[in-house]
C-alpha atoms as a PDB file:
ATOM      1  CA  MET A   1     -20.966 -26.403  -0.973  1.00  0.00           C
ATOM      2  CA  SER A   2     -22.772 -23.099  -1.494  1.00  0.00           C
ATOM      3  CA  THR A   3     -21.840 -20.555  -4.161  1.00  0.00           C
ATOM      4  CA  PHE A   4     -20.887 -18.147  -1.353  1.00  0.00           C
ATOM      5  CA  ASN A   5     -18.378 -20.635   0.101  1.00  0.00           C
ATOM      6  CA  ILE A   6     -16.872 -21.357  -3.319  1.00  0.00           C
ATOM      7  CA  LYS A   7     -16.427 -17.625  -4.018  1.00  0.00           C
ATOM      8  CA  THR A   8     -14.969 -17.050  -0.548  1.00  0.00           C
ATOM      9  CA  GLU A   9     -12.490 -19.916  -0.939  1.00  0.00           C
ATOM     10  CA  SER A  10     -11.511 -18.616  -4.377  1.00  0.00           C
ATOM     11  CA  LEU A  11     -10.887 -15.106  -2.983  1.00  0.00           C
ATOM     12  CA  ILE A  12      -8.816 -16.481  -0.107  1.00  0.00           C
ATOM     13  CA  SER A  13      -6.772 -18.622  -2.505  1.00  0.00           C
ATOM     14  CA  GLU A  14      -6.180 -15.616  -4.774  1.00  0.00           C
ATOM     15  CA  SER A  15      -5.202 -13.502  -1.746  1.00  0.00           C
ATOM     16  CA  ARG A  16      -2.594 -16.087  -0.722  1.00  0.00           C
ATOM     17  CA  LEU A  17      -0.966 -15.827  -4.178  1.00  0.00           C
ATOM     18  CA  TYR A  18      -0.566 -12.043  -3.823  1.00  0.00           C
ATOM     19  CA  GLU A  19       0.758 -12.448  -0.281  1.00  0.00           C
ATOM     20  CA  SER A  20       3.270 -15.094  -1.418  1.00  0.00           C
ATOM     21  CA  SER A  21       4.540 -12.807  -4.139  1.00  0.00           C
ATOM     22  CA  LEU A  22       5.198 -10.031  -1.625  1.00  0.00           C
ATOM     23  CA  LYS A  23       6.800 -12.414   0.906  1.00  0.00           C
ATOM     24  CA  GLU A  24       9.192 -13.617  -1.815  1.00  0.00           C
ATOM     25  CA  TYR A  25      10.047 -10.013  -2.708  1.00  0.00           C
ATOM     26  CA  ILE A  26      10.767  -9.191   0.958  1.00  0.00           C
ATOM     27  CA  LYS A  27      13.024 -12.237   1.244  1.00  0.00           C
ATOM     28  CA  GLU A  28      14.818 -11.746  -2.092  1.00  0.00           C
ATOM     29  CA  TYR A  29      15.626  -8.087  -1.435  1.00  0.00           C
ATOM     30  CA  LYS A  30      16.390  -8.663   2.271  1.00  0.00           C
ATOM     31  CA  ILE A  31      13.853  -6.089   3.421  1.00  0.00           C
ATOM     32  CA  GLU A  32      13.572  -5.891   7.187  1.00  0.00           C
ATOM     33  CA  ALA A  33       9.817  -6.204   7.538  1.00  0.00           C
ATOM     34  CA  GLU A  34       7.235  -8.449   9.115  1.00  0.00           C
ATOM     35  CA  HIS A  35       4.458  -9.829   6.897  1.00  0.00           C
ATOM     36  CA  LEU A  36       1.226 -10.385   8.837  1.00  0.00           C
ATOM     37  CA  VAL A  37      -1.834 -12.333   7.634  1.00  0.00           C
ATOM     38  CA  PHE A  38      -5.283 -12.055   9.227  1.00  0.00           C
ATOM     39  CA  GLN A  39      -8.665 -13.771   8.954  1.00  0.00           C
ATOM     40  CA  ALA A  40     -10.448 -10.402   8.778  1.00  0.00           C
ATOM     41  CA  SER A  41     -10.221  -7.774   6.050  1.00  0.00           C
ATOM     42  CA  CYS A  42      -7.610  -5.007   6.273  1.00  0.00           C
ATOM     43  CA  HIS A  43      -8.968  -3.093   3.255  1.00  0.00           C
ATOM     44  CA  SER A  44      -9.438   0.178   5.151  1.00  0.00           C
ATOM     45  CA  VAL A  45      -7.424   1.669   8.006  1.00  0.00           C
ATOM     46  CA  GLU A  46     -10.380   1.044  10.333  1.00  0.00           C
ATOM     47  CA  GLU A  47     -10.551  -2.637   9.340  1.00  0.00           C
ATOM     48  CA  ALA A  48      -6.764  -2.991   9.638  1.00  0.00           C
ATOM     49  CA  VAL A  49      -6.837  -1.543  13.152  1.00  0.00           C
ATOM     50  CA  ARG A  50      -9.548  -4.045  14.166  1.00  0.00           C
ATOM     51  CA  ALA A  51      -7.767  -7.009  12.557  1.00  0.00           C
ATOM     52  CA  SER A  52      -4.285  -6.251  13.902  1.00  0.00           C
ATOM     53  CA  GLY A  53      -5.037  -4.671  17.252  1.00  0.00           C
ATOM     54  CA  ALA A  54      -2.443  -1.967  16.515  1.00  0.00           C
ATOM     55  CA  ALA A  55      -3.171   1.687  17.250  1.00  0.00           C
ATOM     56  CA  PRO A  56      -4.534   3.753  14.331  1.00  0.00           C
ATOM     57  CA  GLU A  57      -1.571   6.151  14.391  1.00  0.00           C
ATOM     58  CA  PHE A  58       0.739   3.368  13.128  1.00  0.00           C
ATOM     59  CA  PHE A  59      -1.029   2.950   9.770  1.00  0.00           C
ATOM     60  CA  VAL A  60      -0.223   4.451   6.413  1.00  0.00           C
ATOM     61  CA  LYS A  61      -2.301   4.548   3.240  1.00  0.00           C
ATOM     62  CA  ASN A  62      -1.011   3.928  -0.262  1.00  0.00           C
ATOM     63  CA  ILE A  63      -3.001   6.181  -2.575  1.00  0.00           C
ATOM     64  CA  CYS A  64      -2.591   4.970  -6.152  1.00  0.00           C
ATOM     65  CA  LEU A  65      -2.673   7.653  -8.819  1.00  0.00           C
ATOM     66  CA  ILE A  66      -2.054   7.861 -12.550  1.00  0.00           C
ATOM     67  CA  ASP A  67       0.067  10.717 -13.914  1.00  0.00           C
ATOM     68  CA  ASN A  68      -0.482  12.410 -17.290  1.00  0.00           C
ATOM     69  CA  ARG A  69       1.809   9.851 -18.988  1.00  0.00           C
ATOM     70  CA  GLY A  70      -0.175   6.889 -17.653  1.00  0.00           C
ATOM     71  CA  ASN A  71       2.394   5.921 -15.002  1.00  0.00           C
ATOM     72  CA  LEU A  72       1.541   4.704 -11.517  1.00  0.00           C
ATOM     73  CA  VAL A  73       2.336   7.086  -8.674  1.00  0.00           C
ATOM     74  CA  VAL A  74       1.896   5.866  -5.095  1.00  0.00           C
ATOM     75  CA  ALA A  75       1.393   8.543  -2.469  1.00  0.00           C
ATOM     76  CA  ILE A  76       2.101   7.261   1.041  1.00  0.00           C
ATOM     77  CA  VAL A  77       0.533   9.217   3.906  1.00  0.00           C
ATOM     78  CA  ARG A  78      -0.495   8.547   7.494  1.00  0.00           C
ATOM     79  CA  GLY A  79      -3.838   6.799   7.831  1.00  0.00           C
ATOM     80  CA  LYS A  80      -5.530   9.939   9.132  1.00  0.00           C
ATOM     81  CA  ASP A  81      -4.205  12.193   6.343  1.00  0.00           C
ATOM     82  CA  SER A  82      -5.476  12.979   2.860  1.00  0.00           C
ATOM     83  CA  VAL A  83      -3.422  13.397  -0.284  1.00  0.00           C
ATOM     84  CA  SER A  84      -3.258  16.671  -2.184  1.00  0.00           C
ATOM     85  CA  SER A  85      -3.254  15.868  -5.901  1.00  0.00           C
ATOM     86  CA  SER A  86      -2.267  19.471  -6.696  1.00  0.00           C
ATOM     87  CA  ARG A  87       0.845  19.160  -4.481  1.00  0.00           C
ATOM     88  CA  ILE A  88       1.675  15.885  -6.197  1.00  0.00           C
ATOM     89  CA  GLY A  89       1.247  17.564  -9.590  1.00  0.00           C
ATOM     90  CA  LYS A  90       3.745  20.237  -8.533  1.00  0.00           C
ATOM     91  CA  VAL A  91       6.192  17.578  -7.308  1.00  0.00           C
ATOM     92  CA  LEU A  92       5.850  15.739 -10.637  1.00  0.00           C
ATOM     93  CA  ASN A  93       6.067  19.035 -12.541  1.00  0.00           C
ATOM     94  CA  SER A  94       2.870  18.120 -14.400  1.00  0.00           C
ATOM     95  CA  GLU A  95      -0.902  18.184 -14.150  1.00  0.00           C
ATOM     96  CA  SER A  96      -2.474  16.816 -11.005  1.00  0.00           C
ATOM     97  CA  PRO A  97      -2.653  13.017 -11.250  1.00  0.00           C
ATOM     98  CA  ARG A  98      -6.007  11.254 -11.139  1.00  0.00           C
ATOM     99  CA  ALA A  99      -7.086   8.402  -8.889  1.00  0.00           C
ATOM    100  CA  ALA A 100      -6.270   5.004 -10.384  1.00  0.00           C
ATOM    101  CA  PHE A 101      -9.115   2.601 -11.093  1.00  0.00           C
ATOM    102  CA  PRO A 102      -8.974  -0.791  -9.310  1.00  0.00           C
ATOM    103  CA  GLU A 103      -8.196  -2.565 -12.615  1.00  0.00           C
ATOM    104  CA  GLU A 104      -5.274  -0.178 -13.262  1.00  0.00           C
ATOM    105  CA  ILE A 105      -3.948  -0.717  -9.751  1.00  0.00           C
ATOM    106  CA  LEU A 106      -3.917  -4.487 -10.214  1.00  0.00           C
ATOM    107  CA  GLN A 107      -2.412  -4.252 -13.699  1.00  0.00           C
ATOM    108  CA  LYS A 108       0.340  -1.769 -12.795  1.00  0.00           C
ATOM    109  CA  SER A 109       1.250  -2.963  -9.284  1.00  0.00           C
ATOM    110  CA  GLY A 110       0.337  -6.636  -9.439  1.00  0.00           C
ATOM    111  CA  TYR A 111      -1.719  -6.251  -6.263  1.00  0.00           C
ATOM    112  CA  PRO A 112      -5.449  -5.667  -5.662  1.00  0.00           C
ATOM    113  CA  CYS A 113      -6.909  -2.398  -4.446  1.00  0.00           C
ATOM    114  CA  GLY A 114      -7.020  -2.489  -0.638  1.00  0.00           C
ATOM    115  CA  GLY A 115      -3.934  -4.685  -0.331  1.00  0.00           C
ATOM    116  CA  VAL A 116      -1.360  -2.682  -2.272  1.00  0.00           C
ATOM    117  CA  PRO A 117       1.993  -2.645  -0.479  1.00  0.00           C
ATOM    118  CA  SER A 118       4.281   0.390  -0.285  1.00  0.00           C
ATOM    119  CA  PHE A 119       7.001  -1.361  -2.328  1.00  0.00           C
ATOM    120  CA  GLY A 120       7.658  -4.332  -4.594  1.00  0.00           C
ATOM    121  CA  TYR A 121       6.625  -3.082  -8.038  1.00  0.00           C
ATOM    122  CA  GLU A 122       7.397  -0.363 -10.587  1.00  0.00           C
ATOM    123  CA  SER A 123       6.060   3.019  -9.482  1.00  0.00           C
ATOM    124  CA  GLN A 124       7.093   6.457  -8.396  1.00  0.00           C
ATOM    125  CA  PHE A 125       6.705   6.426  -4.619  1.00  0.00           C
ATOM    126  CA  LEU A 126       6.116   9.706  -2.789  1.00  0.00           C
ATOM    127  CA  ILE A 127       6.252   9.598   1.005  1.00  0.00           C
ATOM    128  CA  ASP A 128       4.925  12.389   3.171  1.00  0.00           C
ATOM    129  CA  PRO A 129       7.456  13.609   5.793  1.00  0.00           C
ATOM    130  CA  LYS A 130       4.959  12.914   8.609  1.00  0.00           C
ATOM    131  CA  VAL A 131       5.327   9.201   7.773  1.00  0.00           C
ATOM    132  CA  MET A 132       9.058   9.490   8.457  1.00  0.00           C
ATOM    133  CA  GLU A 133       8.320  10.730  11.997  1.00  0.00           C
ATOM    134  CA  MET A 134       6.641   7.431  12.853  1.00  0.00           C
ATOM    135  CA  GLU A 135       8.512   4.699  14.749  1.00  0.00           C
ATOM    136  CA  ILE A 136       6.972   1.869  12.716  1.00  0.00           C
ATOM    137  CA  VAL A 137       4.246   1.698  10.093  1.00  0.00           C
ATOM    138  CA  TYR A 138       1.718  -0.857   8.936  1.00  0.00           C
ATOM    139  CA  THR A 139       1.079  -0.862   5.198  1.00  0.00           C
ATOM    140  CA  GLY A 140      -0.665  -3.074   2.657  1.00  0.00           C
ATOM    141  CA  GLY A 141       0.524  -6.675   2.683  1.00  0.00           C
ATOM    142  CA  GLY A 142      -0.401  -7.779  -0.821  1.00  0.00           C
ATOM    143  CA  SER A 143      -4.034  -8.672  -0.181  1.00  0.00           C
ATOM    144  CA  THR A 144      -6.958  -7.283   1.752  1.00  0.00           C
ATOM    145  CA  TYR A 145      -6.138  -9.826   4.493  1.00  0.00           C
ATOM    146  CA  SER A 146      -2.519  -8.916   5.149  1.00  0.00           C
ATOM    147  CA  LEU A 147      -0.243  -6.108   6.296  1.00  0.00           C
ATOM    148  CA  VAL A 148       3.464  -5.362   6.413  1.00  0.00           C
ATOM    149  CA  LYS A 149       5.038  -3.937   9.573  1.00  0.00           C
ATOM    150  CA  ILE A 150       8.149  -1.915   8.704  1.00  0.00           C
ATOM    151  CA  THR A 151      10.144   1.125   9.827  1.00  0.00           C
ATOM    152  CA  PRO A 152       9.856   4.251   7.679  1.00  0.00           C
ATOM    153  CA  ALA A 153      13.611   4.195   6.981  1.00  0.00           C
ATOM    154  CA  GLU A 154      13.387   0.606   5.701  1.00  0.00           C
ATOM    155  CA  LEU A 155      10.329   1.560   3.664  1.00  0.00           C
ATOM    156  CA  VAL A 156      12.275   4.283   1.852  1.00  0.00           C
ATOM    157  CA  LYS A 157      15.077   1.797   1.249  1.00  0.00           C
ATOM    158  CA  ALA A 158      12.596  -0.753  -0.123  1.00  0.00           C
ATOM    159  CA  ASN A 159      10.809   1.582  -2.531  1.00  0.00           C
ATOM    160  CA  ASN A 160      13.495   4.191  -3.278  1.00  0.00           C
ATOM    161  CA  GLY A 161      10.809   6.771  -2.568  1.00  0.00           C
ATOM    162  CA  THR A 162      11.004  10.534  -2.454  1.00  0.00           C
ATOM    163  CA  VAL A 163      10.119  12.179   0.853  1.00  0.00           C
ATOM    164  CA  VAL A 164       8.079  15.276   0.055  1.00  0.00           C
ATOM    165  CA  ARG A 165       4.992  16.959   1.461  1.00  0.00           C
ATOM    166  CA  ILE A 166       1.965  15.513  -0.332  1.00  0.00           C
ATOM    167  CA  ARG A 167      -0.737  15.685   2.368  1.00  0.00           C
ATOM    168  CA  ARG A 168      -3.465  18.308   2.469  1.00  0.00           C
END
């Protein structure tokens, strides 16, 4: 077996552990959501659209930030939108948060960058109001190979998030 195949199998195995953790969370907390696993990467919105076949307007991004106290803040916006760190700073009544490093994301959320779900771990969740206008959303599913399909109302229930304008 080649080194490439061993690394690929190891990554897939690791991905399945993250996905299992999220599936258990969904079940334990009775969250009405569908967990979807794909063979192709869902790391970016573009990749997720290709893997799932869903229209781009149904995707949200989870932008992981670190506030001035070192806490994780997850800003949830539509896939086509950008986050305004200055707006988030005003919401938090502090300095603008900085982008989290991949190692911090994994440490603080328990999920890898590119697969971070919109719920299931300790964080302050901020949800842009445009997300709430959507019928359903696709969000990170715990790994770069999975997604969660959920309604915005159920998402707010799952993460106890604050709906506030955070997009540019």
